[in-house]
Amino acid sequence: MNMHPELSIRTASTRDAEALRDVYRPYVESTAVSFEIEAPTLDEFARRIAVAVEGWAWLVAELDNRIIGYAYGSAHRPRQAYRYSVEVSAYVEAGHQRKGIARALYRELLTLLEARGYHNAYAGITLPNEASVGFHRNMGFKPVGVFPEVGRKFDAWHDVAWLYRALKELT
């Protein structure tokens, strides 16, 4: 249930790059949630948006005409046989977390990805992160497994849990 009736969700555009990068930057600079070491440049972020909108989807959440979060789909793996699988991520500003924003974004994102013919959605979550694991489970994601010590950031090794959700009925 959307806890913010004034919340709007729309497709991202490259014009949103600066605001979206501002949402993402703290995750890069202060957490191991993202395995990027440095925040991407504005041009690189705009490129990512354009690629995701073209091939998968990238949605933004606005509250009072200000971007406060986003969710997007991207390639799960580059080989052609993976073309019906999609990796999904969501980021919400710290002051707006746990208010239904990510849930609203994911609902629209997963519906859109299913309509575009994707079969399964996958999410990688740096551990420990009980909030994200719980969120994904509540959105219907099931555990696949954990890659132990797969990433190194802030002088520490980090595990990543992988979860998936079927988007279409198995045929």
N, C-alpha and C. Protein backbone atom coordinates (compact mmCIF):
# COMPACT_ATOMS: atom_id res chain seq x y z
N MET A 1 0.84 -1.18 0.00
CA MET A 1 0.00 0.00 0.00
C MET A 1 0.88 1.24 0.00
N ASN A 2 0.63 2.14 -0.88
CA ASN A 2 1.40 3.37 -0.99
C ASN A 2 1.07 4.27 0.20
N MET A 3 2.06 4.53 1.03
CA MET A 3 1.85 5.35 2.22
C MET A 3 1.91 6.84 1.90
N HIS A 4 2.25 7.17 0.68
CA HIS A 4 2.35 8.56 0.23
C HIS A 4 1.45 8.76 -0.98
N PRO A 5 0.22 9.23 -0.80
CA PRO A 5 -0.66 9.39 -1.96
C PRO A 5 -0.11 10.38 -2.98
N GLU A 6 0.76 11.29 -2.56
CA GLU A 6 1.34 12.26 -3.49
C GLU A 6 2.58 11.72 -4.20
N LEU A 7 2.98 10.48 -3.90
CA LEU A 7 4.11 9.86 -4.56
C LEU A 7 3.76 9.56 -6.01
N SER A 8 4.66 9.89 -6.91
CA SER A 8 4.46 9.53 -8.32
C SER A 8 5.66 8.74 -8.79
N ILE A 9 5.39 7.81 -9.69
CA ILE A 9 6.42 6.97 -10.27
C ILE A 9 6.35 7.13 -11.77
N ARG A 10 7.51 7.33 -12.38
CA ARG A 10 7.57 7.53 -13.82
C ARG A 10 8.87 6.94 -14.35
N THR A 11 8.96 6.83 -15.66
CA THR A 11 10.18 6.38 -16.31
C THR A 11 11.26 7.46 -16.20
N ALA A 12 12.46 7.02 -15.90
CA ALA A 12 13.59 7.94 -15.79
C ALA A 12 14.01 8.42 -17.17
N SER A 13 14.68 9.55 -17.19
CA SER A 13 15.32 10.04 -18.41
C SER A 13 16.72 10.50 -18.04
N THR A 14 17.54 10.71 -19.04
CA THR A 14 18.91 11.15 -18.78
C THR A 14 18.93 12.52 -18.10
N ARG A 15 17.86 13.28 -18.23
CA ARG A 15 17.77 14.58 -17.53
C ARG A 15 17.72 14.40 -16.02
N ASP A 16 17.38 13.20 -15.55
CA ASP A 16 17.31 12.91 -14.12
C ASP A 16 18.65 12.48 -13.54
N ALA A 17 19.68 12.39 -14.35
CA ALA A 17 20.94 11.79 -13.93
C ALA A 17 21.51 12.41 -12.66
N GLU A 18 21.52 13.71 -12.56
CA GLU A 18 22.13 14.34 -11.38
C GLU A 18 21.36 14.01 -10.10
N ALA A 19 20.04 14.11 -10.14
CA ALA A 19 19.23 13.82 -8.96
C ALA A 19 19.34 12.34 -8.58
N LEU A 20 19.35 11.46 -9.56
CA LEU A 20 19.46 10.03 -9.29
C LEU A 20 20.84 9.68 -8.74
N ARG A 21 21.86 10.29 -9.29
CA ARG A 21 23.21 10.06 -8.77
C ARG A 21 23.32 10.56 -7.33
N ASP A 22 22.62 11.65 -7.01
CA ASP A 22 22.64 12.16 -5.64
C ASP A 22 21.99 11.17 -4.66
N VAL A 23 20.97 10.45 -5.11
CA VAL A 23 20.36 9.41 -4.28
C VAL A 23 21.35 8.27 -4.08
N TYR A 24 22.08 7.91 -5.12
CA TYR A 24 22.98 6.76 -5.12
C TYR A 24 24.31 7.03 -4.40
N ARG A 25 24.83 8.24 -4.49
CA ARG A 25 26.16 8.57 -4.00
C ARG A 25 26.42 8.10 -2.55
N PRO A 26 25.51 8.34 -1.59
CA PRO A 26 25.81 7.88 -0.22
C PRO A 26 25.97 6.37 -0.10
N TYR A 27 25.28 5.61 -0.94
CA TYR A 27 25.42 4.16 -0.91
C TYR A 27 26.83 3.75 -1.35
N VAL A 28 27.39 4.49 -2.30
CA VAL A 28 28.74 4.20 -2.78
C VAL A 28 29.78 4.66 -1.76
N GLU A 29 29.64 5.88 -1.27
CA GLU A 29 30.67 6.49 -0.45
C GLU A 29 30.67 6.03 1.00
N SER A 30 29.52 5.56 1.52
CA SER A 30 29.43 5.28 2.95
C SER A 30 29.00 3.87 3.31
N THR A 31 28.67 3.03 2.33
CA THR A 31 28.19 1.68 2.64
C THR A 31 28.82 0.66 1.67
N ALA A 32 28.65 -0.59 2.02
CA ALA A 32 29.05 -1.68 1.12
C ALA A 32 27.85 -2.19 0.33
N VAL A 33 26.72 -1.49 0.40
CA VAL A 33 25.53 -1.88 -0.37
C VAL A 33 25.88 -1.91 -1.85
N SER A 34 26.60 -0.90 -2.32
CA SER A 34 27.11 -0.88 -3.69
C SER A 34 28.58 -1.26 -3.64
N PHE A 35 29.01 -2.05 -4.58
CA PHE A 35 30.42 -2.41 -4.65
C PHE A 35 31.24 -1.43 -5.47
N GLU A 36 30.63 -0.36 -5.94
CA GLU A 36 31.43 0.68 -6.58
C GLU A 36 32.25 1.36 -5.51
N ILE A 37 33.47 1.76 -5.87
CA ILE A 37 34.37 2.41 -4.92
C ILE A 37 34.22 3.93 -5.00
N GLU A 38 33.94 4.43 -6.19
CA GLU A 38 33.73 5.86 -6.40
C GLU A 38 32.40 6.05 -7.12
N ALA A 39 31.70 7.14 -6.77
CA ALA A 39 30.44 7.44 -7.45
C ALA A 39 30.71 7.69 -8.93
N PRO A 40 29.85 7.21 -9.81
CA PRO A 40 30.03 7.42 -11.24
C PRO A 40 29.91 8.90 -11.60
N THR A 41 30.55 9.27 -12.69
CA THR A 41 30.42 10.63 -13.19
C THR A 41 28.99 10.86 -13.67
N LEU A 42 28.65 12.09 -13.85
CA LEU A 42 27.31 12.43 -14.35
C LEU A 42 27.07 11.82 -15.73
N ASP A 43 28.06 11.90 -16.60
CA ASP A 43 27.92 11.32 -17.94
C ASP A 43 27.73 9.81 -17.87
N GLU A 44 28.48 9.15 -17.01
CA GLU A 44 28.35 7.70 -16.87
C GLU A 44 26.98 7.33 -16.32
N PHE A 45 26.49 8.10 -15.36
CA PHE A 45 25.18 7.80 -14.79
C PHE A 45 24.09 8.00 -15.84
N ALA A 46 24.20 9.04 -16.63
CA ALA A 46 23.23 9.28 -17.71
C ALA A 46 23.28 8.14 -18.72
N ARG A 47 24.47 7.64 -19.02
CA ARG A 47 24.61 6.52 -19.95
C ARG A 47 23.90 5.28 -19.39
N ARG A 48 24.07 5.02 -18.11
CA ARG A 48 23.43 3.86 -17.48
C ARG A 48 21.91 3.97 -17.56
N ILE A 49 21.39 5.15 -17.32
CA ILE A 49 19.94 5.36 -17.40
C ILE A 49 19.46 5.07 -18.81
N ALA A 50 20.13 5.62 -19.81
CA ALA A 50 19.73 5.43 -21.21
C ALA A 50 19.73 3.95 -21.58
N VAL A 51 20.76 3.23 -21.18
CA VAL A 51 20.87 1.80 -21.50
C VAL A 51 19.75 1.01 -20.81
N ALA A 52 19.50 1.31 -19.54
CA ALA A 52 18.46 0.57 -18.79
C ALA A 52 17.07 0.85 -19.34
N VAL A 53 16.79 2.10 -19.66
CA VAL A 53 15.46 2.46 -20.19
C VAL A 53 15.23 1.77 -21.53
N GLU A 54 16.27 1.70 -22.33
CA GLU A 54 16.16 1.08 -23.65
C GLU A 54 15.96 -0.44 -23.57
N GLY A 55 16.72 -1.10 -22.70
CA GLY A 55 16.71 -2.56 -22.69
C GLY A 55 15.83 -3.19 -21.63
N TRP A 56 15.61 -2.53 -20.52
CA TRP A 56 14.89 -3.11 -19.40
C TRP A 56 13.87 -2.09 -18.89
N ALA A 57 14.22 -1.38 -17.83
CA ALA A 57 13.37 -0.31 -17.30
C ALA A 57 14.14 0.41 -16.20
N TRP A 58 13.85 1.69 -16.04
CA TRP A 58 14.39 2.48 -14.93
C TRP A 58 13.28 3.43 -14.51
N LEU A 59 12.83 3.29 -13.28
CA LEU A 59 11.74 4.11 -12.77
C LEU A 59 12.23 5.01 -11.64
N VAL A 60 11.63 6.19 -11.53
CA VAL A 60 11.96 7.10 -10.44
C VAL A 60 10.71 7.36 -9.61
N ALA A 61 10.94 7.57 -8.33
CA ALA A 61 9.86 7.95 -7.41
C ALA A 61 10.06 9.41 -7.04
N GLU A 62 8.98 10.18 -7.19
CA GLU A 62 9.02 11.60 -6.85
C GLU A 62 8.00 11.88 -5.75
N LEU A 63 8.40 12.72 -4.83
CA LEU A 63 7.53 13.19 -3.76
C LEU A 63 7.66 14.70 -3.74
N ASP A 64 6.55 15.38 -3.88
CA ASP A 64 6.56 16.85 -3.96
C ASP A 64 7.50 17.33 -5.08
N ASN A 65 7.44 16.64 -6.22
CA ASN A 65 8.23 16.97 -7.42
C ASN A 65 9.74 16.88 -7.21
N ARG A 66 10.15 16.04 -6.24
CA ARG A 66 11.58 15.83 -6.00
C ARG A 66 11.85 14.33 -6.00
N ILE A 67 12.89 13.93 -6.74
CA ILE A 67 13.26 12.52 -6.83
C ILE A 67 13.81 12.06 -5.48
N ILE A 68 13.21 10.97 -4.95
CA ILE A 68 13.65 10.44 -3.66
C ILE A 68 14.07 8.97 -3.75
N GLY A 69 13.93 8.37 -4.92
CA GLY A 69 14.33 6.98 -5.07
C GLY A 69 14.18 6.50 -6.49
N TYR A 70 14.71 5.33 -6.74
CA TYR A 70 14.60 4.74 -8.07
C TYR A 70 14.79 3.24 -8.00
N ALA A 71 14.35 2.57 -9.05
CA ALA A 71 14.55 1.14 -9.22
C ALA A 71 14.75 0.87 -10.70
N TYR A 72 15.58 -0.12 -11.00
CA TYR A 72 15.86 -0.39 -12.40
C TYR A 72 16.17 -1.85 -12.63
N GLY A 73 16.07 -2.26 -13.87
CA GLY A 73 16.47 -3.57 -14.30
C GLY A 73 17.69 -3.46 -15.19
N SER A 74 18.50 -4.51 -15.18
CA SER A 74 19.70 -4.54 -16.02
C SER A 74 20.01 -5.99 -16.38
N ALA A 75 21.00 -6.18 -17.22
CA ALA A 75 21.38 -7.52 -17.64
C ALA A 75 21.82 -8.34 -16.43
N HIS A 76 21.33 -9.56 -16.37
CA HIS A 76 21.80 -10.47 -15.31
C HIS A 76 23.20 -10.97 -15.65
N ARG A 77 23.40 -11.40 -16.85
CA ARG A 77 24.71 -11.87 -17.35
C ARG A 77 24.76 -11.53 -18.84
N PRO A 78 25.96 -11.40 -19.41
CA PRO A 78 26.04 -10.96 -20.80
C PRO A 78 25.75 -12.02 -21.87
N ARG A 79 25.85 -13.30 -21.57
CA ARG A 79 25.64 -14.33 -22.58
C ARG A 79 24.19 -14.33 -23.05
N GLN A 80 23.98 -14.64 -24.32
CA GLN A 80 22.66 -14.56 -24.96
C GLN A 80 21.59 -15.43 -24.30
N ALA A 81 21.96 -16.59 -23.78
CA ALA A 81 20.97 -17.47 -23.16
C ALA A 81 20.35 -16.87 -21.90
N TYR A 82 21.00 -15.84 -21.33
CA TYR A 82 20.48 -15.17 -20.13
C TYR A 82 19.52 -14.03 -20.47
N ARG A 83 19.19 -13.84 -21.72
CA ARG A 83 18.44 -12.65 -22.16
C ARG A 83 17.06 -12.49 -21.54
N TYR A 84 16.48 -13.54 -20.98
CA TYR A 84 15.16 -13.43 -20.35
C TYR A 84 15.24 -13.28 -18.83
N SER A 85 16.47 -13.15 -18.33
CA SER A 85 16.69 -12.92 -16.91
C SER A 85 17.10 -11.47 -16.71
N VAL A 86 16.70 -10.89 -15.59
CA VAL A 86 16.99 -9.48 -15.34
C VAL A 86 17.42 -9.31 -13.88
N GLU A 87 18.40 -8.46 -13.68
CA GLU A 87 18.83 -8.11 -12.33
C GLU A 87 18.13 -6.81 -11.94
N VAL A 88 17.64 -6.74 -10.72
CA VAL A 88 16.91 -5.55 -10.27
C VAL A 88 17.57 -4.96 -9.03
N SER A 89 17.43 -3.64 -8.91
CA SER A 89 17.96 -2.90 -7.76
C SER A 89 17.05 -1.72 -7.48
N ALA A 90 17.05 -1.30 -6.22
CA ALA A 90 16.31 -0.10 -5.82
C ALA A 90 17.13 0.67 -4.81
N TYR A 91 17.05 1.98 -4.90
CA TYR A 91 17.73 2.87 -3.95
C TYR A 91 16.76 3.97 -3.54
N VAL A 92 16.68 4.23 -2.25
CA VAL A 92 15.78 5.26 -1.71
C VAL A 92 16.60 6.12 -0.75
N GLU A 93 16.37 7.43 -0.80
CA GLU A 93 17.05 8.34 0.12
C GLU A 93 16.83 7.90 1.56
N ALA A 94 17.84 8.11 2.39
CA ALA A 94 17.81 7.66 3.79
C ALA A 94 16.56 8.16 4.53
N GLY A 95 16.17 9.38 4.37
CA GLY A 95 15.02 9.93 5.09
C GLY A 95 13.68 9.40 4.63
N HIS A 96 13.67 8.62 3.55
CA HIS A 96 12.41 8.12 3.00
C HIS A 96 12.33 6.60 3.00
N GLN A 97 13.29 5.94 3.62
CA GLN A 97 13.27 4.47 3.67
C GLN A 97 12.20 3.97 4.62
N ARG A 98 11.75 2.74 4.37
CA ARG A 98 10.75 2.05 5.20
C ARG A 98 9.40 2.78 5.21
N LYS A 99 9.10 3.42 4.08
CA LYS A 99 7.82 4.13 3.95
C LYS A 99 7.03 3.65 2.73
N GLY A 100 7.41 2.52 2.16
CA GLY A 100 6.68 1.96 1.04
C GLY A 100 7.14 2.43 -0.32
N ILE A 101 8.19 3.24 -0.39
CA ILE A 101 8.66 3.79 -1.66
C ILE A 101 9.28 2.68 -2.53
N ALA A 102 10.19 1.90 -1.94
CA ALA A 102 10.82 0.82 -2.70
C ALA A 102 9.77 -0.20 -3.13
N ARG A 103 8.82 -0.49 -2.28
CA ARG A 103 7.75 -1.44 -2.62
C ARG A 103 6.95 -0.94 -3.82
N ALA A 104 6.59 0.33 -3.82
CA ALA A 104 5.84 0.90 -4.94
C ALA A 104 6.67 0.85 -6.22
N LEU A 105 7.95 1.18 -6.11
CA LEU A 105 8.84 1.12 -7.28
C LEU A 105 8.95 -0.31 -7.81
N TYR A 106 9.20 -1.26 -6.93
CA TYR A 106 9.36 -2.65 -7.36
C TYR A 106 8.08 -3.21 -7.98
N ARG A 107 6.93 -2.88 -7.40
CA ARG A 107 5.67 -3.38 -7.98
C ARG A 107 5.57 -2.97 -9.44
N GLU A 108 5.80 -1.70 -9.71
CA GLU A 108 5.71 -1.22 -11.10
C GLU A 108 6.83 -1.80 -11.96
N LEU A 109 8.03 -1.84 -11.41
CA LEU A 109 9.17 -2.35 -12.16
C LEU A 109 8.96 -3.81 -12.55
N LEU A 110 8.58 -4.65 -11.61
CA LEU A 110 8.41 -6.08 -11.90
C LEU A 110 7.27 -6.33 -12.88
N THR A 111 6.21 -5.56 -12.76
CA THR A 111 5.09 -5.67 -13.71
C THR A 111 5.55 -5.28 -15.11
N LEU A 112 6.30 -4.22 -15.21
CA LEU A 112 6.80 -3.76 -16.50
C LEU A 112 7.77 -4.76 -17.12
N LEU A 113 8.66 -5.30 -16.30
CA LEU A 113 9.63 -6.28 -16.81
C LEU A 113 8.94 -7.55 -17.27
N GLU A 114 7.92 -7.99 -16.55
CA GLU A 114 7.16 -9.16 -16.98
C GLU A 114 6.48 -8.89 -18.32
N ALA A 115 5.88 -7.71 -18.46
CA ALA A 115 5.20 -7.35 -19.71
C ALA A 115 6.18 -7.30 -20.88
N ARG A 116 7.45 -7.02 -20.59
CA ARG A 116 8.47 -6.96 -21.64
C ARG A 116 9.08 -8.33 -21.94
N GLY A 117 8.56 -9.37 -21.30
CA GLY A 117 8.97 -10.73 -21.64
C GLY A 117 10.06 -11.32 -20.78
N TYR A 118 10.45 -10.67 -19.70
CA TYR A 118 11.47 -11.24 -18.83
C TYR A 118 10.85 -12.34 -17.98
N HIS A 119 11.64 -13.35 -17.68
CA HIS A 119 11.15 -14.55 -17.01
C HIS A 119 11.42 -14.54 -15.51
N ASN A 120 12.65 -14.25 -15.10
CA ASN A 120 13.03 -14.21 -13.69
C ASN A 120 13.75 -12.91 -13.39
N ALA A 121 13.54 -12.40 -12.17
CA ALA A 121 14.27 -11.24 -11.67
C ALA A 121 15.20 -11.71 -10.56
N TYR A 122 16.42 -11.20 -10.55
CA TYR A 122 17.44 -11.57 -9.57
C TYR A 122 17.90 -10.33 -8.84
N ALA A 123 18.19 -10.49 -7.54
CA ALA A 123 18.70 -9.38 -6.74
C ALA A 123 19.88 -9.88 -5.92
N GLY A 124 20.96 -9.13 -5.95
CA GLY A 124 22.14 -9.40 -5.13
C GLY A 124 22.16 -8.43 -3.96
N ILE A 125 22.35 -8.94 -2.75
CA ILE A 125 22.29 -8.11 -1.55
C ILE A 125 23.56 -8.33 -0.72
N THR A 126 24.31 -7.26 -0.51
CA THR A 126 25.49 -7.34 0.35
C THR A 126 25.03 -7.64 1.78
N LEU A 127 25.69 -8.62 2.39
CA LEU A 127 25.34 -9.02 3.76
C LEU A 127 26.32 -8.43 4.77
N PRO A 128 25.87 -8.16 5.99
CA PRO A 128 24.50 -8.33 6.47
C PRO A 128 23.62 -7.15 6.04
N ASN A 129 22.37 -7.43 5.73
CA ASN A 129 21.40 -6.40 5.38
C ASN A 129 20.00 -7.01 5.53
N GLU A 130 19.61 -7.20 6.78
CA GLU A 130 18.32 -7.83 7.07
C GLU A 130 17.15 -7.06 6.47
N ALA A 131 17.25 -5.72 6.43
CA ALA A 131 16.15 -4.93 5.88
C ALA A 131 15.93 -5.26 4.41
N SER A 132 17.01 -5.32 3.63
CA SER A 132 16.87 -5.61 2.20
C SER A 132 16.46 -7.06 1.96
N VAL A 133 17.03 -7.98 2.71
CA VAL A 133 16.65 -9.39 2.57
C VAL A 133 15.16 -9.54 2.89
N GLY A 134 14.70 -8.94 3.98
CA GLY A 134 13.29 -9.02 4.36
C GLY A 134 12.39 -8.37 3.33
N PHE A 135 12.81 -7.21 2.82
CA PHE A 135 12.04 -6.53 1.77
C PHE A 135 11.88 -7.43 0.56
N HIS A 136 12.97 -8.00 0.07
CA HIS A 136 12.89 -8.85 -1.13
C HIS A 136 12.04 -10.09 -0.89
N ARG A 137 12.16 -10.68 0.28
CA ARG A 137 11.32 -11.85 0.60
C ARG A 137 9.85 -11.45 0.61
N ASN A 138 9.54 -10.29 1.17
CA ASN A 138 8.15 -9.81 1.18
C ASN A 138 7.65 -9.50 -0.22
N MET A 139 8.55 -9.22 -1.15
CA MET A 139 8.17 -8.96 -2.54
C MET A 139 8.12 -10.26 -3.35
N GLY A 140 8.28 -11.41 -2.69
CA GLY A 140 8.15 -12.69 -3.37
C GLY A 140 9.46 -13.29 -3.86
N PHE A 141 10.58 -12.71 -3.50
CA PHE A 141 11.88 -13.27 -3.89
C PHE A 141 12.23 -14.43 -2.97
N LYS A 142 12.91 -15.42 -3.55
CA LYS A 142 13.33 -16.61 -2.81
C LYS A 142 14.85 -16.70 -2.86
N PRO A 143 15.45 -17.24 -1.80
CA PRO A 143 16.92 -17.33 -1.78
C PRO A 143 17.45 -18.33 -2.79
N VAL A 144 18.57 -17.96 -3.39
CA VAL A 144 19.31 -18.85 -4.29
C VAL A 144 20.54 -19.36 -3.57
N GLY A 145 21.29 -18.45 -2.95
CA GLY A 145 22.52 -18.81 -2.24
C GLY A 145 23.32 -17.58 -1.91
N VAL A 146 24.49 -17.82 -1.34
CA VAL A 146 25.37 -16.74 -0.93
C VAL A 146 26.74 -16.93 -1.56
N PHE A 147 27.26 -15.86 -2.15
CA PHE A 147 28.64 -15.86 -2.61
C PHE A 147 29.48 -15.34 -1.45
N PRO A 148 30.28 -16.20 -0.80
CA PRO A 148 31.05 -15.75 0.36
C PRO A 148 32.24 -14.87 -0.06
N GLU A 149 32.43 -13.81 0.68
CA GLU A 149 33.58 -12.92 0.50
C GLU A 149 33.85 -12.61 -0.97
N VAL A 150 32.82 -12.24 -1.70
CA VAL A 150 32.93 -12.01 -3.14
C VAL A 150 33.37 -10.59 -3.47
N GLY A 151 33.22 -9.66 -2.53
CA GLY A 151 33.63 -8.28 -2.78
C GLY A 151 34.42 -7.72 -1.62
N ARG A 152 35.34 -6.81 -1.94
CA ARG A 152 36.15 -6.19 -0.89
C ARG A 152 35.98 -4.68 -0.97
N LYS A 153 35.51 -4.10 0.12
CA LYS A 153 35.31 -2.65 0.20
C LYS A 153 35.50 -2.22 1.64
N PHE A 154 36.06 -1.04 1.83
CA PHE A 154 36.34 -0.51 3.17
C PHE A 154 37.18 -1.49 3.99
N ASP A 155 38.18 -2.07 3.33
CA ASP A 155 39.13 -3.00 3.97
C ASP A 155 38.46 -4.20 4.62
N ALA A 156 37.35 -4.64 4.06
CA ALA A 156 36.67 -5.82 4.58
C ALA A 156 36.08 -6.62 3.43
N TRP A 157 35.99 -7.94 3.64
CA TRP A 157 35.36 -8.83 2.67
C TRP A 157 33.87 -8.86 2.94
N HIS A 158 33.08 -8.93 1.86
CA HIS A 158 31.62 -8.92 1.99
C HIS A 158 31.01 -10.08 1.22
N ASP A 159 30.03 -10.73 1.86
CA ASP A 159 29.24 -11.77 1.21
C ASP A 159 28.09 -11.11 0.46
N VAL A 160 27.61 -11.77 -0.58
CA VAL A 160 26.44 -11.30 -1.31
C VAL A 160 25.44 -12.45 -1.41
N ALA A 161 24.23 -12.19 -0.90
CA ALA A 161 23.13 -13.15 -1.04
C ALA A 161 22.43 -12.89 -2.36
N TRP A 162 22.04 -13.95 -3.05
CA TRP A 162 21.28 -13.83 -4.30
C TRP A 162 19.89 -14.40 -4.08
N LEU A 163 18.91 -13.63 -4.54
CA LEU A 163 17.51 -14.04 -4.46
C LEU A 163 16.89 -13.91 -5.85
N TYR A 164 15.81 -14.63 -6.08
CA TYR A 164 15.14 -14.53 -7.38
C TYR A 164 13.63 -14.56 -7.19
N ARG A 165 12.96 -14.06 -8.21
CA ARG A 165 11.50 -14.10 -8.26
C ARG A 165 11.09 -14.40 -9.70
N ALA A 166 10.23 -15.40 -9.86
CA ALA A 166 9.70 -15.70 -11.20
C ALA A 166 8.74 -14.59 -11.60
N LEU A 167 8.88 -14.13 -12.82
CA LEU A 167 8.00 -13.09 -13.35
C LEU A 167 6.87 -13.68 -14.18
N LYS A 168 7.11 -14.85 -14.75
CA LYS A 168 6.12 -15.50 -15.60
C LYS A 168 5.90 -16.92 -15.08
N GLU A 169 4.77 -17.45 -15.42
CA GLU A 169 4.50 -18.86 -15.09
C GLU A 169 5.51 -19.74 -15.83
N LEU A 170 5.99 -20.76 -15.18
CA LEU A 170 6.89 -21.71 -15.85
C LEU A 170 6.12 -22.45 -16.93
N THR A 171 6.72 -22.60 -18.09
CA THR A 171 6.04 -23.30 -19.19
C THR A 171 6.77 -24.56 -19.55
